[in-house]
Amino acid sequence: MREYLELGHAEPVPISDVDKHVSEVFYLPMHIVYKSSSTTIKVRAVFDASAKSSTGISFNDTLLVGPTVDS
């Protein structure tokens, strides 16, 4: 998480802002996955953009649908 903060890919959300109802703001749920059998990366961050917010809308729901790229 520290690396995400240092690179500017994430920023802390003050507790006072968490309950504010601001349109078009999504908090991306994240959790850590451990894979002890891996010989390279044993820990990775997983983000869930399909998780529904309290409004029933996910971040993925707000994205425009593009063309299918696989043949």
N, C-alpha and C. Protein backbone atom coordinates (compact mmCIF):
# COMPACT_ATOMS: atom_id res chain seq x y z
N MET A 1 0.84 -1.19 0.00
CA MET A 1 0.00 0.00 0.00
C MET A 1 0.88 1.24 0.00
N ARG A 2 1.98 1.18 0.72
CA ARG A 2 2.89 2.33 0.77
C ARG A 2 3.36 2.71 -0.63
N GLU A 3 3.66 1.70 -1.45
CA GLU A 3 4.13 1.98 -2.81
C GLU A 3 3.03 2.66 -3.63
N TYR A 4 1.79 2.23 -3.49
CA TYR A 4 0.69 2.88 -4.20
C TYR A 4 0.59 4.36 -3.79
N LEU A 5 0.74 4.63 -2.51
CA LEU A 5 0.70 6.01 -2.02
C LEU A 5 1.86 6.82 -2.58
N GLU A 6 3.07 6.26 -2.53
CA GLU A 6 4.26 6.97 -3.01
C GLU A 6 4.19 7.26 -4.50
N LEU A 7 3.61 6.35 -5.27
CA LEU A 7 3.49 6.54 -6.72
C LEU A 7 2.31 7.43 -7.11
N GLY A 8 1.48 7.78 -6.14
CA GLY A 8 0.32 8.62 -6.43
C GLY A 8 -0.85 7.84 -7.00
N HIS A 9 -0.81 6.51 -6.89
CA HIS A 9 -1.91 5.68 -7.39
C HIS A 9 -3.04 5.56 -6.38
N ALA A 10 -2.78 5.99 -5.15
CA ALA A 10 -3.79 5.93 -4.08
C ALA A 10 -3.58 7.14 -3.18
N GLU A 11 -4.61 7.47 -2.45
CA GLU A 11 -4.50 8.55 -1.47
C GLU A 11 -5.38 8.24 -0.28
N PRO A 12 -4.95 8.67 0.90
CA PRO A 12 -5.76 8.41 2.09
C PRO A 12 -7.10 9.15 2.01
N VAL A 13 -8.14 8.54 2.52
CA VAL A 13 -9.45 9.18 2.58
C VAL A 13 -9.72 9.50 4.05
N PRO A 14 -9.83 10.79 4.37
CA PRO A 14 -10.12 11.15 5.76
C PRO A 14 -11.46 10.54 6.20
N ILE A 15 -11.51 10.09 7.44
CA ILE A 15 -12.73 9.49 7.98
C ILE A 15 -13.92 10.42 7.78
N SER A 16 -13.69 11.72 7.90
CA SER A 16 -14.78 12.69 7.76
C SER A 16 -15.37 12.69 6.34
N ASP A 17 -14.61 12.20 5.35
CA ASP A 17 -15.09 12.17 3.97
C ASP A 17 -15.79 10.87 3.60
N VAL A 18 -15.62 9.83 4.39
CA VAL A 18 -16.15 8.52 4.03
C VAL A 18 -17.66 8.52 3.91
N ASP A 19 -18.35 9.18 4.80
CA ASP A 19 -19.81 9.16 4.79
C ASP A 19 -20.45 10.27 3.96
N LYS A 20 -19.63 11.13 3.34
CA LYS A 20 -20.20 12.18 2.49
C LYS A 20 -20.77 11.55 1.24
N HIS A 21 -21.89 12.05 0.83
CA HIS A 21 -22.53 11.54 -0.39
C HIS A 21 -22.14 12.44 -1.55
N VAL A 22 -21.08 12.07 -2.21
CA VAL A 22 -20.58 12.84 -3.35
C VAL A 22 -20.81 12.00 -4.60
N SER A 23 -21.42 12.59 -5.61
CA SER A 23 -21.68 11.83 -6.83
C SER A 23 -20.38 11.59 -7.57
N GLU A 24 -20.34 10.49 -8.28
CA GLU A 24 -19.22 10.09 -9.12
C GLU A 24 -17.92 9.90 -8.35
N VAL A 25 -18.01 9.43 -7.13
CA VAL A 25 -16.83 9.06 -6.36
C VAL A 25 -16.97 7.60 -5.98
N PHE A 26 -15.94 6.82 -6.27
CA PHE A 26 -15.97 5.40 -5.94
C PHE A 26 -14.73 5.06 -5.14
N TYR A 27 -14.91 4.25 -4.11
CA TYR A 27 -13.80 3.72 -3.34
C TYR A 27 -13.62 2.29 -3.81
N LEU A 28 -12.45 1.98 -4.31
CA LEU A 28 -12.19 0.67 -4.90
C LEU A 28 -11.76 -0.31 -3.81
N PRO A 29 -12.60 -1.31 -3.52
CA PRO A 29 -12.23 -2.29 -2.50
C PRO A 29 -10.96 -3.05 -2.90
N MET A 30 -10.10 -3.30 -1.93
CA MET A 30 -8.83 -3.98 -2.20
C MET A 30 -8.54 -4.94 -1.07
N HIS A 31 -7.98 -6.08 -1.41
CA HIS A 31 -7.50 -7.00 -0.39
C HIS A 31 -6.21 -7.65 -0.87
N ILE A 32 -5.50 -8.26 0.04
CA ILE A 32 -4.23 -8.90 -0.27
C ILE A 32 -4.44 -10.40 -0.42
N VAL A 33 -3.79 -10.98 -1.43
CA VAL A 33 -3.83 -12.42 -1.64
C VAL A 33 -2.42 -12.96 -1.42
N TYR A 34 -2.32 -13.97 -0.57
CA TYR A 34 -1.05 -14.63 -0.29
C TYR A 34 -1.01 -15.96 -1.03
N LYS A 35 0.11 -16.22 -1.70
CA LYS A 35 0.29 -17.50 -2.38
C LYS A 35 1.66 -18.04 -2.00
N SER A 36 1.70 -18.84 -0.96
CA SER A 36 2.97 -19.33 -0.43
C SER A 36 3.72 -20.23 -1.40
N SER A 37 3.01 -20.85 -2.34
CA SER A 37 3.67 -21.75 -3.29
C SER A 37 4.36 -21.01 -4.43
N SER A 38 4.14 -19.71 -4.55
CA SER A 38 4.75 -18.94 -5.62
C SER A 38 6.25 -18.80 -5.40
N THR A 39 7.01 -18.93 -6.47
CA THR A 39 8.47 -18.77 -6.37
C THR A 39 8.90 -17.34 -6.63
N THR A 40 8.00 -16.51 -7.14
CA THR A 40 8.35 -15.11 -7.42
C THR A 40 7.62 -14.16 -6.49
N ILE A 41 6.37 -13.88 -6.77
CA ILE A 41 5.60 -12.93 -5.98
C ILE A 41 4.63 -13.69 -5.08
N LYS A 42 4.84 -13.61 -3.78
CA LYS A 42 4.00 -14.35 -2.83
C LYS A 42 2.79 -13.54 -2.36
N VAL A 43 2.85 -12.23 -2.54
CA VAL A 43 1.77 -11.35 -2.08
C VAL A 43 1.39 -10.43 -3.23
N ARG A 44 0.09 -10.29 -3.46
CA ARG A 44 -0.35 -9.34 -4.49
C ARG A 44 -1.64 -8.66 -4.03
N ALA A 45 -1.82 -7.45 -4.52
CA ALA A 45 -3.03 -6.70 -4.22
C ALA A 45 -4.09 -7.03 -5.26
N VAL A 46 -5.32 -7.22 -4.81
CA VAL A 46 -6.44 -7.51 -5.71
C VAL A 46 -7.50 -6.43 -5.48
N PHE A 47 -7.93 -5.80 -6.57
CA PHE A 47 -8.94 -4.75 -6.51
C PHE A 47 -10.25 -5.29 -7.09
N ASP A 48 -11.37 -4.90 -6.50
CA ASP A 48 -12.68 -5.41 -6.92
C ASP A 48 -13.55 -4.26 -7.44
N ALA A 49 -13.39 -3.94 -8.72
CA ALA A 49 -14.15 -2.85 -9.33
C ALA A 49 -15.59 -3.24 -9.62
N SER A 50 -15.94 -4.52 -9.42
CA SER A 50 -17.32 -4.95 -9.65
C SER A 50 -18.14 -4.95 -8.36
N ALA A 51 -17.51 -4.61 -7.23
CA ALA A 51 -18.24 -4.55 -5.95
C ALA A 51 -19.25 -3.41 -6.00
N LYS A 52 -20.47 -3.70 -5.61
CA LYS A 52 -21.54 -2.69 -5.62
C LYS A 52 -21.42 -1.78 -4.41
N SER A 53 -21.66 -0.50 -4.63
CA SER A 53 -21.67 0.46 -3.52
C SER A 53 -23.05 0.44 -2.86
N SER A 54 -23.26 1.31 -1.91
CA SER A 54 -24.56 1.37 -1.23
C SER A 54 -25.68 1.80 -2.19
N THR A 55 -25.32 2.38 -3.32
CA THR A 55 -26.31 2.77 -4.33
C THR A 55 -26.66 1.63 -5.27
N GLY A 56 -25.92 0.52 -5.15
CA GLY A 56 -26.14 -0.62 -6.04
C GLY A 56 -25.36 -0.52 -7.33
N ILE A 57 -24.48 0.47 -7.45
CA ILE A 57 -23.69 0.68 -8.66
C ILE A 57 -22.22 0.41 -8.34
N SER A 58 -21.54 -0.28 -9.25
CA SER A 58 -20.12 -0.53 -9.08
C SER A 58 -19.33 0.43 -9.98
N PHE A 59 -18.03 0.51 -9.75
CA PHE A 59 -17.18 1.32 -10.62
C PHE A 59 -17.26 0.80 -12.05
N ASN A 60 -17.24 -0.52 -12.23
CA ASN A 60 -17.33 -1.09 -13.57
C ASN A 60 -18.62 -0.69 -14.28
N ASP A 61 -19.71 -0.54 -13.52
CA ASP A 61 -20.99 -0.15 -14.11
C ASP A 61 -20.93 1.23 -14.76
N THR A 62 -20.01 2.07 -14.32
CA THR A 62 -19.94 3.45 -14.83
C THR A 62 -19.05 3.59 -16.06
N LEU A 63 -18.32 2.54 -16.41
CA LEU A 63 -17.38 2.62 -17.53
C LEU A 63 -18.10 2.41 -18.85
N LEU A 64 -17.60 3.07 -19.88
CA LEU A 64 -18.15 2.88 -21.22
C LEU A 64 -17.73 1.53 -21.76
N VAL A 65 -18.60 0.89 -22.51
CA VAL A 65 -18.30 -0.41 -23.09
C VAL A 65 -17.64 -0.19 -24.44
N GLY A 66 -16.49 -0.79 -24.63
CA GLY A 66 -15.77 -0.67 -25.90
C GLY A 66 -15.95 -1.93 -26.73
N PRO A 67 -15.27 -1.98 -27.86
CA PRO A 67 -15.38 -3.15 -28.73
C PRO A 67 -14.69 -4.36 -28.11
N THR A 68 -15.14 -5.54 -28.48
CA THR A 68 -14.50 -6.78 -28.06
C THR A 68 -13.20 -6.92 -28.84
N VAL A 69 -12.10 -7.18 -28.14
CA VAL A 69 -10.80 -7.23 -28.82
C VAL A 69 -10.31 -8.64 -29.09
N ASP A 70 -10.88 -9.67 -28.44
CA ASP A 70 -10.43 -11.02 -28.73
C ASP A 70 -11.22 -11.60 -29.89
N SER A 71 -10.53 -12.40 -30.67
CA SER A 71 -11.16 -12.97 -31.88
C SER A 71 -11.69 -14.35 -31.62
